[in-house]
PDB file of N, CA and C in Angstrom:
ATOM      1  N   MET A   1       6.814 -12.000  23.234  1.00  0.00           N
ATOM      2  CA  MET A   1       6.854 -11.668  21.832  1.00  0.00           C
ATOM      3  C   MET A   1       8.299 -11.547  21.381  1.00  0.00           C
ATOM      4  N   THR A   2       8.653 -12.236  20.352  1.00  0.00           N
ATOM      5  CA  THR A   2       9.989 -12.111  19.800  1.00  0.00           C
ATOM      6  C   THR A   2       9.968 -11.154  18.621  1.00  0.00           C
ATOM      7  N   GLY A   3      11.038 -10.414  18.481  1.00  0.00           N
ATOM      8  CA  GLY A   3      11.151  -9.514  17.345  1.00  0.00           C
ATOM      9  C   GLY A   3      10.248  -8.300  17.418  1.00  0.00           C
ATOM     10  N   SER A   4       9.837  -7.895  18.615  1.00  0.00           N
ATOM     11  CA  SER A   4       8.996  -6.698  18.698  1.00  0.00           C
ATOM     12  C   SER A   4       9.803  -5.541  19.272  1.00  0.00           C
ATOM     13  N   GLU A   5       9.685  -4.402  18.631  1.00  0.00           N
ATOM     14  CA  GLU A   5      10.316  -3.171  19.077  1.00  0.00           C
ATOM     15  C   GLU A   5       9.238  -2.103  19.119  1.00  0.00           C
ATOM     16  N   PRO A   6       9.476  -1.011  19.828  1.00  0.00           N
ATOM     17  CA  PRO A   6       8.445   0.026  19.913  1.00  0.00           C
ATOM     18  C   PRO A   6       8.307   0.835  18.625  1.00  0.00           C
ATOM     19  N   CYS A   7       7.097   1.290  18.390  1.00  0.00           N
ATOM     20  CA  CYS A   7       6.805   2.215  17.296  1.00  0.00           C
ATOM     21  C   CYS A   7       7.464   3.548  17.645  1.00  0.00           C
ATOM     22  N   ASP A   8       8.121   4.179  16.677  1.00  0.00           N
ATOM     23  CA  ASP A   8       8.770   5.466  16.931  1.00  0.00           C
ATOM     24  C   ASP A   8       7.770   6.586  17.177  1.00  0.00           C
ATOM     25  N   ALA A   9       6.532   6.409  16.765  1.00  0.00           N
ATOM     26  CA  ALA A   9       5.525   7.461  16.951  1.00  0.00           C
ATOM     27  C   ALA A   9       4.765   7.302  18.270  1.00  0.00           C
ATOM     28  N   CYS A  10       4.187   6.109  18.510  1.00  0.00           N
ATOM     29  CA  CYS A  10       3.340   5.941  19.698  1.00  0.00           C
ATOM     30  C   CYS A  10       4.005   5.147  20.819  1.00  0.00           C
ATOM     31  N   GLY A  11       5.079   4.426  20.503  1.00  0.00           N
ATOM     32  CA  GLY A  11       5.801   3.678  21.517  1.00  0.00           C
ATOM     33  C   GLY A  11       5.282   2.282  21.785  1.00  0.00           C
ATOM     34  N   ASP A  12       4.160   1.905  21.166  1.00  0.00           N
ATOM     35  CA  ASP A  12       3.620   0.550  21.361  1.00  0.00           C
ATOM     36  C   ASP A  12       4.529  -0.473  20.692  1.00  0.00           C
ATOM     37  N   PRO A  13       4.713  -1.645  21.307  1.00  0.00           N
ATOM     38  CA  PRO A  13       5.526  -2.678  20.670  1.00  0.00           C
ATOM     39  C   PRO A  13       4.829  -3.205  19.416  1.00  0.00           C
ATOM     40  N   ILE A  14       5.625  -3.460  18.373  1.00  0.00           N
ATOM     41  CA  ILE A  14       5.073  -3.999  17.128  1.00  0.00           C
ATOM     42  C   ILE A  14       5.911  -5.173  16.648  1.00  0.00           C
ATOM     43  N   GLU A  15       5.245  -6.148  16.102  1.00  0.00           N
ATOM     44  CA  GLU A  15       5.931  -7.300  15.522  1.00  0.00           C
ATOM     45  C   GLU A  15       6.642  -6.872  14.236  1.00  0.00           C
ATOM     46  N   GLU A  16       7.755  -7.466  13.955  1.00  0.00           N
ATOM     47  CA  GLU A  16       8.540  -7.137  12.769  1.00  0.00           C
ATOM     48  C   GLU A  16       7.705  -7.228  11.492  1.00  0.00           C
ATOM     49  N   ALA A  17       6.848  -8.246  11.394  1.00  0.00           N
ATOM     50  CA  ALA A  17       6.046  -8.434  10.183  1.00  0.00           C
ATOM     51  C   ALA A  17       5.037  -7.301   9.966  1.00  0.00           C
ATOM     52  N   LEU A  18       4.670  -6.591  11.036  1.00  0.00           N
ATOM     53  CA  LEU A  18       3.689  -5.517  10.918  1.00  0.00           C
ATOM     54  C   LEU A  18       4.327  -4.129  10.826  1.00  0.00           C
ATOM     55  N   ALA A  19       5.608  -4.038  11.098  1.00  0.00           N
ATOM     56  CA  ALA A  19       6.297  -2.746  11.126  1.00  0.00           C
ATOM     57  C   ALA A  19       6.481  -2.195   9.723  1.00  0.00           C
ATOM     58  N   ARG A  20       6.417  -0.882   9.620  1.00  0.00           N
ATOM     59  CA  ARG A  20       6.680  -0.179   8.376  1.00  0.00           C
ATOM     60  C   ARG A  20       7.764   0.847   8.659  1.00  0.00           C
ATOM     61  N   THR A  21       8.710   0.974   7.746  1.00  0.00           N
ATOM     62  CA  THR A  21       9.789   1.938   7.918  1.00  0.00           C
ATOM     63  C   THR A  21       9.633   3.045   6.887  1.00  0.00           C
ATOM     64  N   VAL A  22       9.647   4.274   7.373  1.00  0.00           N
ATOM     65  CA  VAL A  22       9.560   5.453   6.516  1.00  0.00           C
ATOM     66  C   VAL A  22      10.930   6.108   6.559  1.00  0.00           C
ATOM     67  N   GLN A  23      11.534   6.299   5.394  1.00  0.00           N
ATOM     68  CA  GLN A  23      12.852   6.925   5.327  1.00  0.00           C
ATOM     69  C   GLN A  23      12.781   8.182   4.476  1.00  0.00           C
ATOM     70  N   LEU A  24      13.453   9.224   4.927  1.00  0.00           N
ATOM     71  CA  LEU A  24      13.556  10.463   4.177  1.00  0.00           C
ATOM     72  C   LEU A  24      15.006  10.610   3.748  1.00  0.00           C
ATOM     73  N   ASN A  25      15.217  10.662   2.443  1.00  0.00           N
ATOM     74  CA  ASN A  25      16.552  10.808   1.885  1.00  0.00           C
ATOM     75  C   ASN A  25      16.623  12.077   1.062  1.00  0.00           C
ATOM     76  N   VAL A  26      17.712  12.817   1.213  1.00  0.00           N
ATOM     77  CA  VAL A  26      17.968  14.002   0.425  1.00  0.00           C
ATOM     78  C   VAL A  26      19.339  13.839  -0.198  1.00  0.00           C
ATOM     79  N   ASP A  27      19.389  13.926  -1.504  1.00  0.00           N
ATOM     80  CA  ASP A  27      20.644  13.733  -2.232  1.00  0.00           C
ATOM     81  C   ASP A  27      21.342  12.445  -1.811  1.00  0.00           C
ATOM     82  N   ARG A  28      20.573  11.400  -1.707  1.00  0.00           N
ATOM     83  CA  ARG A  28      21.017  10.040  -1.363  1.00  0.00           C
ATOM     84  C   ARG A  28      21.531   9.885   0.068  1.00  0.00           C
ATOM     85  N   SER A  29      21.387  10.908   0.894  1.00  0.00           N
ATOM     86  CA  SER A  29      21.774  10.815   2.296  1.00  0.00           C
ATOM     87  C   SER A  29      20.525  10.707   3.152  1.00  0.00           C
ATOM     88  N   GLU A  30      20.511   9.749   4.072  1.00  0.00           N
ATOM     89  CA  GLU A  30      19.345   9.571   4.931  1.00  0.00           C
ATOM     90  C   GLU A  30      19.261  10.701   5.942  1.00  0.00           C
ATOM     91  N   VAL A  31      18.118  11.375   5.962  1.00  0.00           N
ATOM     92  CA  VAL A  31      17.876  12.476   6.879  1.00  0.00           C
ATOM     93  C   VAL A  31      17.100  11.983   8.097  1.00  0.00           C
ATOM     94  N   ASP A  32      16.144  11.075   7.866  1.00  0.00           N
ATOM     95  CA  ASP A  32      15.308  10.578   8.946  1.00  0.00           C
ATOM     96  C   ASP A  32      14.819   9.183   8.590  1.00  0.00           C
ATOM     97  N   SER A  33      14.598   8.384   9.614  1.00  0.00           N
ATOM     98  CA  SER A  33      14.036   7.047   9.443  1.00  0.00           C
ATOM     99  C   SER A  33      13.155   6.763  10.655  1.00  0.00           C
ATOM    100  N   GLN A  34      11.929   6.313  10.391  1.00  0.00           N
ATOM    101  CA  GLN A  34      10.996   6.017  11.467  1.00  0.00           C
ATOM    102  C   GLN A  34      10.419   4.624  11.272  1.00  0.00           C
ATOM    103  N   ARG A  35      10.336   3.879  12.352  1.00  0.00           N
ATOM    104  CA  ARG A  35       9.719   2.547  12.353  1.00  0.00           C
ATOM    105  C   ARG A  35       8.341   2.711  12.967  1.00  0.00           C
ATOM    106  N   LEU A  36       7.289   2.417  12.185  1.00  0.00           N
ATOM    107  CA  LEU A  36       5.930   2.725  12.605  1.00  0.00           C
ATOM    108  C   LEU A  36       5.043   1.494  12.626  1.00  0.00           C
ATOM    109  N   CYS A  37       4.078   1.506  13.555  1.00  0.00           N
ATOM    110  CA  CYS A  37       3.048   0.472  13.590  1.00  0.00           C
ATOM    111  C   CYS A  37       2.052   0.764  12.467  1.00  0.00           C
ATOM    112  N   PRO A  38       1.199  -0.193  12.104  1.00  0.00           N
ATOM    113  CA  PRO A  38       0.258   0.043  11.001  1.00  0.00           C
ATOM    114  C   PRO A  38      -0.623   1.285  11.183  1.00  0.00           C
ATOM    115  N   SER A  39      -1.090   1.544  12.394  1.00  0.00           N
ATOM    116  CA  SER A  39      -1.952   2.700  12.635  1.00  0.00           C
ATOM    117  C   SER A  39      -1.188   4.010  12.453  1.00  0.00           C
ATOM    118  N   CYS A  40      -0.004   4.096  13.008  1.00  0.00           N
ATOM    119  CA  CYS A  40       0.803   5.316  12.868  1.00  0.00           C
ATOM    120  C   CYS A  40       1.263   5.499  11.427  1.00  0.00           C
ATOM    121  N   PHE A  41       1.525   4.396  10.720  1.00  0.00           N
ATOM    122  CA  PHE A  41       1.895   4.475   9.311  1.00  0.00           C
ATOM    123  C   PHE A  41       0.735   5.049   8.502  1.00  0.00           C
ATOM    124  N   ALA A  42      -0.482   4.592   8.770  1.00  0.00           N
ATOM    125  CA  ALA A  42      -1.660   5.120   8.075  1.00  0.00           C
ATOM    126  C   ALA A  42      -1.817   6.611   8.353  1.00  0.00           C
ATOM    127  N   ASP A  43      -1.584   7.022   9.605  1.00  0.00           N
ATOM    128  CA  ASP A  43      -1.649   8.440   9.947  1.00  0.00           C
ATOM    129  C   ASP A  43      -0.575   9.228   9.208  1.00  0.00           C
ATOM    130  N   TRP A  44       0.634   8.655   9.110  1.00  0.00           N
ATOM    131  CA  TRP A  44       1.735   9.315   8.414  1.00  0.00           C
ATOM    132  C   TRP A  44       1.405   9.493   6.934  1.00  0.00           C
ATOM    133  N   ILE A  45       0.853   8.460   6.314  1.00  0.00           N
ATOM    134  CA  ILE A  45       0.480   8.529   4.897  1.00  0.00           C
ATOM    135  C   ILE A  45      -0.565   9.614   4.683  1.00  0.00           C
ATOM    136  N   GLU A  46      -1.573   9.672   5.538  1.00  0.00           N
ATOM    137  CA  GLU A  46      -2.625  10.680   5.400  1.00  0.00           C
ATOM    138  C   GLU A  46      -2.057  12.084   5.585  1.00  0.00           C
ATOM    139  N   ARG A  47      -1.186  12.267   6.579  1.00  0.00           N
ATOM    140  CA  ARG A  47      -0.566  13.574   6.805  1.00  0.00           C
ATOM    141  C   ARG A  47       0.307  13.963   5.610  1.00  0.00           C
ATOM    142  N   TYR A  48       1.072  13.011   5.064  1.00  0.00           N
ATOM    143  CA  TYR A  48       1.913  13.273   3.891  1.00  0.00           C
ATOM    144  C   TYR A  48       1.039  13.675   2.704  1.00  0.00           C
ATOM    145  N   ARG A  49      -0.045  12.923   2.475  1.00  0.00           N
ATOM    146  CA  ARG A  49      -0.940  13.213   1.355  1.00  0.00           C
ATOM    147  C   ARG A  49      -1.542  14.610   1.500  1.00  0.00           C
ATOM    148  N   THR A  50      -1.975  14.954   2.698  1.00  0.00           N
ATOM    149  CA  THR A  50      -2.596  16.250   2.943  1.00  0.00           C
ATOM    150  C   THR A  50      -1.600  17.392   2.773  1.00  0.00           C
ATOM    151  N   GLU A  51      -0.407  17.237   3.322  1.00  0.00           N
ATOM    152  CA  GLU A  51       0.574  18.311   3.283  1.00  0.00           C
ATOM    153  C   GLU A  51       1.255  18.452   1.929  1.00  0.00           C
ATOM    154  N   MET A  52       1.384  17.368   1.183  1.00  0.00           N
ATOM    155  CA  MET A  52       2.094  17.420  -0.085  1.00  0.00           C
ATOM    156  C   MET A  52       1.172  17.606  -1.287  1.00  0.00           C
ATOM    157  N   GLN A  53      -0.129  17.502  -1.082  1.00  0.00           N
ATOM    158  CA  GLN A  53      -1.077  17.662  -2.175  1.00  0.00           C
ATOM    159  C   GLN A  53      -1.092  19.131  -2.603  1.00  0.00           C
ATOM    160  N   PRO A  54      -1.010  19.376  -3.911  1.00  0.00           N
ATOM    161  CA  PRO A  54      -1.052  20.779  -4.360  1.00  0.00           C
ATOM    162  C   PRO A  54      -2.351  21.445  -3.928  1.00  0.00           C
ATOM    163  N   GLN A  55      -2.254  22.693  -3.556  1.00  0.00           N
ATOM    164  CA  GLN A  55      -3.436  23.452  -3.161  1.00  0.00           C
ATOM    165  C   GLN A  55      -4.269  23.754  -4.398  1.00  0.00           C
ATOM    166  N   ALA A  56      -5.566  23.777  -4.229  1.00  0.00           N
ATOM    167  CA  ALA A  56      -6.466  24.100  -5.340  1.00  0.00           C
ATOM    168  C   ALA A  56      -6.233  25.549  -5.757  1.00  0.00           C
ATOM    169  N   ARG A  57      -6.170  25.759  -7.056  1.00  0.00           N
ATOM    170  CA  ARG A  57      -5.966  27.097  -7.582  1.00  0.00           C
ATOM    171  C   ARG A  57      -7.236  27.563  -8.279  1.00  0.00           C
ATOM    172  N   GLY A  58      -7.402  28.851  -8.308  1.00  0.00           N
ATOM    173  CA  GLY A  58      -8.546  29.421  -9.013  1.00  0.00           C
ATOM    174  C   GLY A  58      -8.369  29.273 -10.514  1.00  0.00           C
ATOM    175  N   ASP A  59      -9.460  29.231 -11.241  1.00  0.00           N
ATOM    176  CA  ASP A  59      -9.419  29.095 -12.698  1.00  0.00           C
ATOM    177  C   ASP A  59      -8.748  30.283 -13.370  1.00  0.00           C
ATOM    178  N   ASP A  60      -8.791  31.458 -12.733  1.00  0.00           N
ATOM    179  CA  ASP A  60      -8.215  32.640 -13.344  1.00  0.00           C
ATOM    180  C   ASP A  60      -6.703  32.726 -13.153  1.00  0.00           C
ATOM    181  N   GLU A  61      -6.148  31.836 -12.363  1.00  0.00           N
ATOM    182  CA  GLU A  61      -4.715  31.836 -12.112  1.00  0.00           C
ATOM    183  C   GLU A  61      -3.989  31.157 -13.271  1.00  0.00           C
ATOM    184  N   ILE A  62      -2.894  31.725 -13.693  1.00  0.00           N
ATOM    185  CA  ILE A  62      -2.124  31.145 -14.792  1.00  0.00           C
ATOM    186  C   ILE A  62      -1.357  29.943 -14.272  1.00  0.00           C
ATOM    187  N   ARG A  63      -1.501  28.830 -14.960  1.00  0.00           N
ATOM    188  CA  ARG A  63      -0.780  27.618 -14.595  1.00  0.00           C
ATOM    189  C   ARG A  63       0.417  27.510 -15.530  1.00  0.00           C
ATOM    190  N   GLY A  64       1.561  27.792 -15.001  1.00  0.00           N
ATOM    191  CA  GLY A  64       2.749  27.775 -15.834  1.00  0.00           C
ATOM    192  C   GLY A  64       3.958  27.457 -14.995  1.00  0.00           C
ATOM    193  N   ASP A  65       5.032  28.139 -15.330  1.00  0.00           N
ATOM    194  CA  ASP A  65       6.305  27.905 -14.657  1.00  0.00           C
ATOM    195  C   ASP A  65       6.486  28.787 -13.430  1.00  0.00           C
ATOM    196  N   SER A  66       5.434  29.387 -12.929  1.00  0.00           N
ATOM    197  CA  SER A  66       5.568  30.314 -11.809  1.00  0.00           C
ATOM    198  C   SER A  66       6.015  29.633 -10.527  1.00  0.00           C
ATOM    199  N   ASP A  67       5.848  28.312 -10.417  1.00  0.00           N
ATOM    200  CA  ASP A  67       6.252  27.589  -9.216  1.00  0.00           C
ATOM    201  C   ASP A  67       7.672  27.019  -9.318  1.00  0.00           C
ATOM    202  N   ILE A  68       8.307  27.200 -10.437  1.00  0.00           N
ATOM    203  CA  ILE A  68       9.644  26.644 -10.621  1.00  0.00           C
ATOM    204  C   ILE A  68      10.687  27.686 -10.204  1.00  0.00           C
ATOM    205  N   ILE A  69      11.591  27.268  -9.330  1.00  0.00           N
ATOM    206  CA  ILE A  69      12.652  28.150  -8.850  1.00  0.00           C
ATOM    207  C   ILE A  69      13.977  27.608  -9.361  1.00  0.00           C
ATOM    208  N   VAL A  70      14.736  28.444 -10.020  1.00  0.00           N
ATOM    209  CA  VAL A  70      16.046  28.056 -10.552  1.00  0.00           C
ATOM    210  C   VAL A  70      17.085  28.956  -9.913  1.00  0.00           C
ATOM    211  N   ASP A  71      18.101  28.331  -9.304  1.00  0.00           N
ATOM    212  CA  ASP A  71      19.176  29.125  -8.711  1.00  0.00           C
ATOM    213  C   ASP A  71      20.223  29.410  -9.753  1.00  0.00           C
TER     214      ASP A  71
END
């Protein structure tokens, strides 16, 4: 296989055409970069969706600026 490198998550070799790169940037500086196979990428997307999805709030809770933090 030409152009195959290991997945950063599971270590299985992946073809370049199937690889997905996930990059985390903070203030335009790269903090992390991962090269993932399609299966690990799908797992990463699901984990991101689950962890970043706002938690359900009760109807009696005020929805306002209470989550905004200003230094």
